[in-house]
Amino acid sequence: MLKHFINKVCGKFIFAPRIMICIPSQVTEVEKKAVIDAATQAGARKVYLIEEPIAAAIGAGIDISKPCGNMVVDIGGGTTDIAVISLGGSVVNTSLKVAGDKFDEYIVKYIKKKHNIMIGERTAEDLKVNIGCVYPKIQDTEMDIRGRDLVTGLPKTLTVHSSEMLEALLEPAMMIVDAVHSVLERTPPELSADISDKGIYMTGGGCLVDGLDKLLQEKTGINVMIAQDTVSCVALGTGKALENLDVLEGKTTR
């Protein structure tokens, strides 16, 4: 897969390219080495690793080189990375395997348990995008879906309401909120004051679940902002970091 993407971007290149790869904030040294080896075998001349929250912060337009504290919550597909960044590096961070895919899993489980109907991951994704929420909506919305009735084994149409999605998604959303709370508890007081003034930045496709920013703001008492072009923040930040390697040389792992 890496070879395919390298060939797609570079074509038939004469020199092997330099590659920067995003990694979750709490990967082990063994996992880092595995990523570097895989990229090298795929044709990279030199491999740089950058933590996802740092890449997300750069992509969101935050100046990470300053001594003040910035908190980034990056909710992707497989992992949620939370970090307090200052002077170009992570001061406190955590990573948990609760993100967009886990939201889909909880929706599938909920529909199966409550309605005795099995739905696929794509249908769960549609529910999450269209009527999914983790904070009570002013007006209840609904959506028709099709699944397999577990009693008869036949296809069945079901109308699902956003209030049901709130029940399904609140548990994984609270796991993310609790992780943010634990990072704030471990943050040095001076940086906590900066975060309180500036707010928390949310990036990644998972943060677009309706009401997640409101829930986090209510539980922490800190203003929460969703970054512009949130889905592409990590990719954009990685590109910017690769362009400014001389600045980030000491902050990236090779």
C-alpha atoms as a PDB file:
ATOM      1  CA  MET A   1       0.000   0.000   0.000  1.00  0.00           C
ATOM      2  CA  LEU A   2       2.828   2.424   0.861  1.00  0.00           C
ATOM      3  CA  LYS A   3       4.549   1.609  -2.443  1.00  0.00           C
ATOM      4  CA  HIS A   4       1.318   2.368  -4.312  1.00  0.00           C
ATOM      5  CA  PHE A   5       0.947   5.797  -2.666  1.00  0.00           C
ATOM      6  CA  ILE A   6       4.640   6.667  -3.153  1.00  0.00           C
ATOM      7  CA  ASN A   7       4.403   5.774  -6.866  1.00  0.00           C
ATOM      8  CA  LYS A   8       1.142   7.724  -7.196  1.00  0.00           C
ATOM      9  CA  VAL A   9       2.644  10.871  -5.690  1.00  0.00           C
ATOM     10  CA  CYS A  10       6.171  10.705  -7.115  1.00  0.00           C
ATOM     11  CA  GLY A  11       5.719   8.663 -10.295  1.00  0.00           C
ATOM     12  CA  LYS A  12       8.923   7.103 -11.558  1.00  0.00           C
ATOM     13  CA  PHE A  13      11.315   9.103  -9.395  1.00  0.00           C
ATOM     14  CA  ILE A  14      15.096   9.046  -9.802  1.00  0.00           C
ATOM     15  CA  PHE A  15      15.850   9.692  -6.136  1.00  0.00           C
ATOM     16  CA  ALA A  16      14.020   7.998  -3.284  1.00  0.00           C
ATOM     17  CA  PRO A  17      11.769  10.535  -1.494  1.00  0.00           C
ATOM     18  CA  ARG A  18      11.822  11.731   2.084  1.00  0.00           C
ATOM     19  CA  ILE A  19       8.643  10.659   3.863  1.00  0.00           C
ATOM     20  CA  MET A  20       6.961  11.903   7.019  1.00  0.00           C
ATOM     21  CA  ILE A  21       4.442   9.596   8.688  1.00  0.00           C
ATOM     22  CA  CYS A  22       1.959  10.436  11.441  1.00  0.00           C
ATOM     23  CA  ILE A  23       1.832   8.135  14.454  1.00  0.00           C
ATOM     24  CA  PRO A  24      -0.405   8.068  17.571  1.00  0.00           C
ATOM     25  CA  SER A  25       1.160   9.874  20.536  1.00  0.00           C
ATOM     26  CA  GLN A  26       1.783   6.769  22.660  1.00  0.00           C
ATOM     27  CA  VAL A  27       3.212   4.197  20.258  1.00  0.00           C
ATOM     28  CA  THR A  28       6.069   2.009  21.488  1.00  0.00           C
ATOM     29  CA  GLU A  29       9.637   2.050  20.169  1.00  0.00           C
ATOM     30  CA  VAL A  30       8.980  -1.330  18.506  1.00  0.00           C
ATOM     31  CA  GLU A  31       5.951   0.096  16.664  1.00  0.00           C
ATOM     32  CA  LYS A  32       7.972   3.147  15.594  1.00  0.00           C
ATOM     33  CA  LYS A  33      10.710   0.903  14.187  1.00  0.00           C
ATOM     34  CA  ALA A  34       8.122  -1.206  12.343  1.00  0.00           C
ATOM     35  CA  VAL A  35       6.688   1.927  10.660  1.00  0.00           C
ATOM     36  CA  ILE A  36      10.161   3.181   9.677  1.00  0.00           C
ATOM     37  CA  ASP A  37      11.157  -0.254   8.294  1.00  0.00           C
ATOM     38  CA  ALA A  38       7.924  -0.542   6.291  1.00  0.00           C
ATOM     39  CA  ALA A  39       8.389   2.925   4.740  1.00  0.00           C
ATOM     40  CA  THR A  40      12.075   2.253   3.968  1.00  0.00           C
ATOM     41  CA  GLN A  41      11.225  -1.026   2.242  1.00  0.00           C
ATOM     42  CA  ALA A  42       8.513   0.778   0.268  1.00  0.00           C
ATOM     43  CA  GLY A  43      11.152   3.069  -1.236  1.00  0.00           C
ATOM     44  CA  ALA A  44      11.753   5.955   1.186  1.00  0.00           C
ATOM     45  CA  ARG A  45      15.202   7.551   1.375  1.00  0.00           C
ATOM     46  CA  LYS A  46      14.642   8.948   4.842  1.00  0.00           C
ATOM     47  CA  VAL A  47      11.681   8.495   7.193  1.00  0.00           C
ATOM     48  CA  TYR A  48      10.468  11.034   9.738  1.00  0.00           C
ATOM     49  CA  LEU A  49       7.780  10.361  12.335  1.00  0.00           C
ATOM     50  CA  ILE A  50       5.544  13.047  13.792  1.00  0.00           C
ATOM     51  CA  GLU A  51       2.911  12.660  16.495  1.00  0.00           C
ATOM     52  CA  GLU A  52      -0.648  13.136  15.247  1.00  0.00           C
ATOM     53  CA  PRO A  53      -1.627  15.890  17.751  1.00  0.00           C
ATOM     54  CA  ILE A  54       1.422  17.969  16.737  1.00  0.00           C
ATOM     55  CA  ALA A  55       0.599  17.523  13.033  1.00  0.00           C
ATOM     56  CA  ALA A  56      -3.048  18.384  13.764  1.00  0.00           C
ATOM     57  CA  ALA A  57      -2.013  21.544  15.642  1.00  0.00           C
ATOM     58  CA  ILE A  58       0.192  22.681  12.739  1.00  0.00           C
ATOM     59  CA  GLY A  59      -2.628  21.934  10.274  1.00  0.00           C
ATOM     60  CA  ALA A  60      -5.075  23.925  12.420  1.00  0.00           C
ATOM     61  CA  GLY A  61      -2.812  26.983  12.168  1.00  0.00           C
ATOM     62  CA  ILE A  62      -1.565  26.956  15.770  1.00  0.00           C
ATOM     63  CA  ASP A  63       1.954  28.322  16.364  1.00  0.00           C
ATOM     64  CA  ILE A  64       3.378  25.414  18.357  1.00  0.00           C
ATOM     65  CA  SER A  65       6.856  26.945  18.744  1.00  0.00           C
ATOM     66  CA  LYS A  66       5.740  29.459  21.400  1.00  0.00           C
ATOM     67  CA  PRO A  67       6.181  28.672  25.134  1.00  0.00           C
ATOM     68  CA  CYS A  68       2.427  28.905  25.810  1.00  0.00           C
ATOM     69  CA  GLY A  69       0.244  25.788  26.111  1.00  0.00           C
ATOM     70  CA  ASN A  70      -2.209  24.557  23.461  1.00  0.00           C
ATOM     71  CA  MET A  71      -4.490  21.554  23.854  1.00  0.00           C
ATOM     72  CA  VAL A  72      -5.412  19.497  20.792  1.00  0.00           C
ATOM     73  CA  VAL A  73      -7.961  16.664  20.714  1.00  0.00           C
ATOM     74  CA  ASP A  74      -7.571  14.737  17.449  1.00  0.00           C
ATOM     75  CA  ILE A  75     -10.410  12.239  16.898  1.00  0.00           C
ATOM     76  CA  GLY A  76      -9.668  10.106  13.862  1.00  0.00           C
ATOM     77  CA  GLY A  77     -11.035   6.784  12.692  1.00  0.00           C
ATOM     78  CA  GLY A  78      -9.137   4.370  14.929  1.00  0.00           C
ATOM     79  CA  THR A  79      -7.622   6.465  17.719  1.00  0.00           C
ATOM     80  CA  THR A  80      -8.200   9.666  19.658  1.00  0.00           C
ATOM     81  CA  ASP A  81      -5.014  11.553  20.501  1.00  0.00           C
ATOM     82  CA  ILE A  82      -5.041  14.245  23.176  1.00  0.00           C
ATOM     83  CA  ALA A  83      -2.001  16.408  23.810  1.00  0.00           C
ATOM     84  CA  VAL A  84      -0.900  19.610  25.496  1.00  0.00           C
ATOM     85  CA  ILE A  85       1.695  21.170  23.191  1.00  0.00           C
ATOM     86  CA  SER A  86       4.292  23.783  24.086  1.00  0.00           C
ATOM     87  CA  LEU A  87       7.640  24.785  22.526  1.00  0.00           C
ATOM     88  CA  GLY A  88       7.075  22.460  19.569  1.00  0.00           C
ATOM     89  CA  GLY A  89       6.559  19.246  21.534  1.00  0.00           C
ATOM     90  CA  SER A  90       4.023  17.330  23.625  1.00  0.00           C
ATOM     91  CA  VAL A  91       4.161  18.094  27.342  1.00  0.00           C
ATOM     92  CA  VAL A  92       1.341  15.738  28.377  1.00  0.00           C
ATOM     93  CA  ASN A  93      -0.427  13.345  26.036  1.00  0.00           C
ATOM     94  CA  THR A  94      -2.573  10.258  25.861  1.00  0.00           C
ATOM     95  CA  SER A  95      -3.989   8.045  23.130  1.00  0.00           C
ATOM     96  CA  LEU A  96      -7.066   5.826  23.307  1.00  0.00           C
ATOM     97  CA  LYS A  97      -8.645   3.440  20.816  1.00  0.00           C
ATOM     98  CA  VAL A  98     -12.036   5.171  20.929  1.00  0.00           C
ATOM     99  CA  ALA A  99     -12.815   7.184  17.797  1.00  0.00           C
ATOM    100  CA  GLY A 100     -15.006   7.180  14.687  1.00  0.00           C
ATOM    101  CA  ASP A 101     -14.905   3.400  14.156  1.00  0.00           C
ATOM    102  CA  LYS A 102     -15.816   2.759  17.801  1.00  0.00           C
ATOM    103  CA  PHE A 103     -18.840   5.082  17.427  1.00  0.00           C
ATOM    104  CA  ASP A 104     -20.001   2.908  14.503  1.00  0.00           C
ATOM    105  CA  GLU A 105     -19.554  -0.241  16.604  1.00  0.00           C
ATOM    106  CA  TYR A 106     -21.691   1.182  19.409  1.00  0.00           C
ATOM    107  CA  ILE A 107     -24.456   2.088  16.926  1.00  0.00           C
ATOM    108  CA  VAL A 108     -24.471  -1.473  15.508  1.00  0.00           C
ATOM    109  CA  LYS A 109     -24.643  -2.935  19.036  1.00  0.00           C
ATOM    110  CA  TYR A 110     -27.425  -0.538  20.087  1.00  0.00           C
ATOM    111  CA  ILE A 111     -29.668  -1.272  17.068  1.00  0.00           C
ATOM    112  CA  LYS A 112     -29.105  -5.009  17.554  1.00  0.00           C
ATOM    113  CA  LYS A 113     -29.920  -4.880  21.280  1.00  0.00           C
ATOM    114  CA  LYS A 114     -32.917  -2.508  21.133  1.00  0.00           C
ATOM    115  CA  HIS A 115     -34.569  -3.440  17.823  1.00  0.00           C
ATOM    116  CA  ASN A 116     -33.234  -6.966  17.203  1.00  0.00           C
ATOM    117  CA  ILE A 117     -32.003  -5.847  13.791  1.00  0.00           C
ATOM    118  CA  MET A 118     -28.507  -6.314  12.404  1.00  0.00           C
ATOM    119  CA  ILE A 119     -27.088  -3.439  10.354  1.00  0.00           C
ATOM    120  CA  GLY A 120     -23.757  -3.061   8.563  1.00  0.00           C
ATOM    121  CA  GLU A 121     -20.915  -0.642   9.252  1.00  0.00           C
ATOM    122  CA  ARG A 122     -21.880   1.553   6.293  1.00  0.00           C
ATOM    123  CA  THR A 123     -25.429   1.985   7.614  1.00  0.00           C
ATOM    124  CA  ALA A 124     -24.043   2.762  11.080  1.00  0.00           C
ATOM    125  CA  GLU A 125     -21.758   5.378   9.502  1.00  0.00           C
ATOM    126  CA  ASP A 126     -24.759   6.952   7.703  1.00  0.00           C
ATOM    127  CA  LEU A 127     -26.682   7.107  10.992  1.00  0.00           C
ATOM    128  CA  LYS A 128     -23.705   8.712  12.762  1.00  0.00           C
ATOM    129  CA  VAL A 129     -23.213  11.346  10.036  1.00  0.00           C
ATOM    130  CA  ASN A 130     -26.885  12.205   9.451  1.00  0.00           C
ATOM    131  CA  ILE A 131     -28.586  12.008  12.875  1.00  0.00           C
ATOM    132  CA  GLY A 132     -25.826  11.005  15.312  1.00  0.00           C
ATOM    133  CA  CYS A 133     -25.419  13.235  18.380  1.00  0.00           C
ATOM    134  CA  VAL A 134     -23.882  13.152  21.862  1.00  0.00           C
ATOM    135  CA  TYR A 135     -25.706  16.213  23.210  1.00  0.00           C
ATOM    136  CA  PRO A 136     -29.520  16.639  23.336  1.00  0.00           C
ATOM    137  CA  LYS A 137     -30.885  18.249  20.173  1.00  0.00           C
ATOM    138  CA  ILE A 138     -33.562  20.961  20.227  1.00  0.00           C
ATOM    139  CA  GLN A 139     -35.515  19.078  17.585  1.00  0.00           C
ATOM    140  CA  ASP A 140     -35.531  15.273  17.305  1.00  0.00           C
ATOM    141  CA  THR A 141     -34.597  14.100  13.794  1.00  0.00           C
ATOM    142  CA  GLU A 142     -35.169  10.694  12.235  1.00  0.00           C
ATOM    143  CA  MET A 143     -33.822   8.460   9.482  1.00  0.00           C
ATOM    144  CA  ASP A 144     -35.054   5.276   7.787  1.00  0.00           C
ATOM    145  CA  ILE A 145     -32.604   2.387   7.546  1.00  0.00           C
ATOM    146  CA  ARG A 146     -32.735  -1.203   6.323  1.00  0.00           C
ATOM    147  CA  GLY A 147     -31.289  -4.174   8.153  1.00  0.00           C
ATOM    148  CA  ARG A 148     -31.796  -7.883   8.753  1.00  0.00           C
ATOM    149  CA  ASP A 149     -34.382  -8.946  11.316  1.00  0.00           C
ATOM    150  CA  LEU A 150     -32.630 -11.406  13.641  1.00  0.00           C
ATOM    151  CA  VAL A 151     -35.913 -13.238  14.391  1.00  0.00           C
ATOM    152  CA  THR A 152     -37.230 -13.825  10.861  1.00  0.00           C
ATOM    153  CA  GLY A 153     -33.944 -13.467   8.963  1.00  0.00           C
ATOM    154  CA  LEU A 154     -35.701 -11.158   6.472  1.00  0.00           C
ATOM    155  CA  PRO A 155     -34.861  -7.560   5.469  1.00  0.00           C
ATOM    156  CA  LYS A 156     -36.680  -4.937   7.531  1.00  0.00           C
ATOM    157  CA  THR A 157     -37.035  -1.141   7.409  1.00  0.00           C
ATOM    158  CA  LEU A 158     -36.661   0.774  10.663  1.00  0.00           C
ATOM    159  CA  THR A 159     -37.044   4.453  11.608  1.00  0.00           C
ATOM    160  CA  VAL A 160     -34.313   5.599  14.001  1.00  0.00           C
ATOM    161  CA  HIS A 161     -34.432   8.875  15.962  1.00  0.00           C
ATOM    162  CA  SER A 162     -31.541  11.121  17.014  1.00  0.00           C
ATOM    163  CA  SER A 163     -32.542  10.631  20.670  1.00  0.00           C
ATOM    164  CA  GLU A 164     -31.676   6.922  20.222  1.00  0.00           C
ATOM    165  CA  MET A 165     -28.307   7.865  18.728  1.00  0.00           C
ATOM    166  CA  LEU A 166     -27.677   9.970  21.840  1.00  0.00           C
ATOM    167  CA  GLU A 167     -28.196   6.839  23.970  1.00  0.00           C
ATOM    168  CA  ALA A 168     -25.919   4.792  21.704  1.00  0.00           C
ATOM    169  CA  LEU A 169     -23.044   7.271  21.428  1.00  0.00           C
ATOM    170  CA  LEU A 170     -22.909   8.872  24.877  1.00  0.00           C
ATOM    171  CA  GLU A 171     -20.767   6.107  26.416  1.00  0.00           C
ATOM    172  CA  PRO A 172     -17.852   6.275  23.922  1.00  0.00           C
ATOM    173  CA  ALA A 173     -18.091  10.098  23.902  1.00  0.00           C
ATOM    174  CA  MET A 174     -17.703  10.159  27.696  1.00  0.00           C
ATOM    175  CA  MET A 175     -14.580   7.963  27.379  1.00  0.00           C
ATOM    176  CA  ILE A 176     -13.015  10.748  25.278  1.00  0.00           C
ATOM    177  CA  VAL A 177     -14.186  13.424  27.752  1.00  0.00           C
ATOM    178  CA  ASP A 178     -12.677  11.439  30.667  1.00  0.00           C
ATOM    179  CA  ALA A 179      -9.369  11.133  28.779  1.00  0.00           C
ATOM    180  CA  VAL A 180      -9.309  14.914  28.201  1.00  0.00           C
ATOM    181  CA  HIS A 181     -10.015  15.403  31.914  1.00  0.00           C
ATOM    182  CA  SER A 182      -7.103  13.108  32.891  1.00  0.00           C
ATOM    183  CA  VAL A 183      -4.706  15.020  30.599  1.00  0.00           C
ATOM    184  CA  LEU A 184      -5.839  18.349  32.107  1.00  0.00           C
ATOM    185  CA  GLU A 185      -5.186  16.952  35.601  1.00  0.00           C
ATOM    186  CA  ARG A 186      -1.571  16.168  34.630  1.00  0.00           C
ATOM    187  CA  THR A 187      -0.951  19.503  32.895  1.00  0.00           C
ATOM    188  CA  PRO A 188       1.417  22.008  34.599  1.00  0.00           C
ATOM    189  CA  PRO A 189      -0.506  24.957  36.145  1.00  0.00           C
ATOM    190  CA  GLU A 190       0.990  27.623  33.825  1.00  0.00           C
ATOM    191  CA  LEU A 191      -0.019  25.690  30.723  1.00  0.00           C
ATOM    192  CA  SER A 192      -3.475  24.989  32.219  1.00  0.00           C
ATOM    193  CA  ALA A 193      -3.996  28.736  32.514  1.00  0.00           C
ATOM    194  CA  ASP A 194      -3.085  29.155  28.808  1.00  0.00           C
ATOM    195  CA  ILE A 195      -5.544  26.421  27.809  1.00  0.00           C
ATOM    196  CA  SER A 196      -8.262  28.035  29.918  1.00  0.00           C
ATOM    197  CA  ASP A 197      -7.696  31.330  28.060  1.00  0.00           C
ATOM    198  CA  LYS A 198      -7.273  29.940  24.537  1.00  0.00           C
ATOM    199  CA  GLY A 199      -9.610  26.951  24.690  1.00  0.00           C
ATOM    200  CA  ILE A 200      -9.348  23.388  23.385  1.00  0.00           C
ATOM    201  CA  TYR A 201      -8.903  22.726  19.655  1.00  0.00           C
ATOM    202  CA  MET A 202     -10.674  19.712  18.151  1.00  0.00           C
ATOM    203  CA  THR A 203      -9.537  18.127  14.874  1.00  0.00           C
ATOM    204  CA  GLY A 204     -10.222  14.950  12.898  1.00  0.00           C
ATOM    205  CA  GLY A 205     -13.392  13.627  11.282  1.00  0.00           C
ATOM    206  CA  GLY A 206     -14.637  12.094  14.550  1.00  0.00           C
ATOM    207  CA  CYS A 207     -15.088  15.528  16.161  1.00  0.00           C
ATOM    208  CA  LEU A 208     -17.862  16.329  13.650  1.00  0.00           C
ATOM    209  CA  VAL A 209     -20.335  14.133  15.558  1.00  0.00           C
ATOM    210  CA  ASP A 210     -23.064  16.591  16.505  1.00  0.00           C
ATOM    211  CA  GLY A 211     -22.721  18.057  20.004  1.00  0.00           C
ATOM    212  CA  LEU A 212     -19.303  16.569  20.876  1.00  0.00           C
ATOM    213  CA  ASP A 213     -17.796  20.043  21.257  1.00  0.00           C
ATOM    214  CA  LYS A 214     -20.741  21.141  23.463  1.00  0.00           C
ATOM    215  CA  LEU A 215     -20.409  18.037  25.647  1.00  0.00           C
ATOM    216  CA  LEU A 216     -16.668  18.569  26.126  1.00  0.00           C
ATOM    217  CA  GLN A 217     -17.198  22.271  26.872  1.00  0.00           C
ATOM    218  CA  GLU A 218     -19.890  21.499  29.446  1.00  0.00           C
ATOM    219  CA  LYS A 219     -17.820  18.848  31.237  1.00  0.00           C
ATOM    220  CA  THR A 220     -14.514  20.801  31.317  1.00  0.00           C
ATOM    221  CA  GLY A 221     -15.785  24.395  31.554  1.00  0.00           C
ATOM    222  CA  ILE A 222     -13.271  25.371  28.838  1.00  0.00           C
ATOM    223  CA  ASN A 223     -14.202  26.868  25.468  1.00  0.00           C
ATOM    224  CA  VAL A 224     -13.964  24.240  22.683  1.00  0.00           C
ATOM    225  CA  MET A 225     -13.275  25.125  19.037  1.00  0.00           C
ATOM    226  CA  ILE A 226     -13.470  22.875  15.978  1.00  0.00           C
ATOM    227  CA  ALA A 227     -10.611  23.605  13.570  1.00  0.00           C
ATOM    228  CA  GLN A 228     -11.254  24.669   9.978  1.00  0.00           C
ATOM    229  CA  ASP A 229     -10.895  21.853   7.411  1.00  0.00           C
ATOM    230  CA  THR A 230     -10.869  19.519  10.391  1.00  0.00           C
ATOM    231  CA  VAL A 231     -10.808  16.259   8.384  1.00  0.00           C
ATOM    232  CA  SER A 232      -7.571  17.249   6.594  1.00  0.00           C
ATOM    233  CA  CYS A 233      -5.808  18.948   9.535  1.00  0.00           C
ATOM    234  CA  VAL A 234      -3.365  16.097  10.228  1.00  0.00           C
ATOM    235  CA  ALA A 235      -2.475  15.647   6.534  1.00  0.00           C
ATOM    236  CA  LEU A 236      -2.005  19.411   6.008  1.00  0.00           C
ATOM    237  CA  GLY A 237       0.086  19.692   9.175  1.00  0.00           C
ATOM    238  CA  THR A 238       2.310  16.793   8.128  1.00  0.00           C
ATOM    239  CA  GLY A 239       2.905  18.466   4.767  1.00  0.00           C
ATOM    240  CA  LYS A 240       3.818  21.763   6.427  1.00  0.00           C
ATOM    241  CA  ALA A 241       6.135  19.943   8.864  1.00  0.00           C
ATOM    242  CA  LEU A 242       7.916  18.185   5.985  1.00  0.00           C
ATOM    243  CA  GLU A 243       8.416  21.539   4.243  1.00  0.00           C
ATOM    244  CA  ASN A 244       9.946  23.011   7.430  1.00  0.00           C
ATOM    245  CA  LEU A 245      12.147  20.104   8.512  1.00  0.00           C
ATOM    246  CA  ASP A 246      14.982  22.426   9.491  1.00  0.00           C
ATOM    247  CA  VAL A 247      12.713  23.965  12.164  1.00  0.00           C
ATOM    248  CA  LEU A 248      11.241  20.667  13.369  1.00  0.00           C
ATOM    249  CA  GLU A 249      14.427  18.598  13.027  1.00  0.00           C
ATOM    250  CA  GLY A 250      14.842  18.227  16.776  1.00  0.00           C
ATOM    251  CA  LYS A 251      11.133  17.524  17.378  1.00  0.00           C
ATOM    252  CA  THR A 252      10.685  14.625  14.916  1.00  0.00           C
ATOM    253  CA  THR A 253      11.881  11.053  15.300  1.00  0.00           C
ATOM    254  CA  ARG A 254      13.940   9.398  12.622  1.00  0.00           C
END
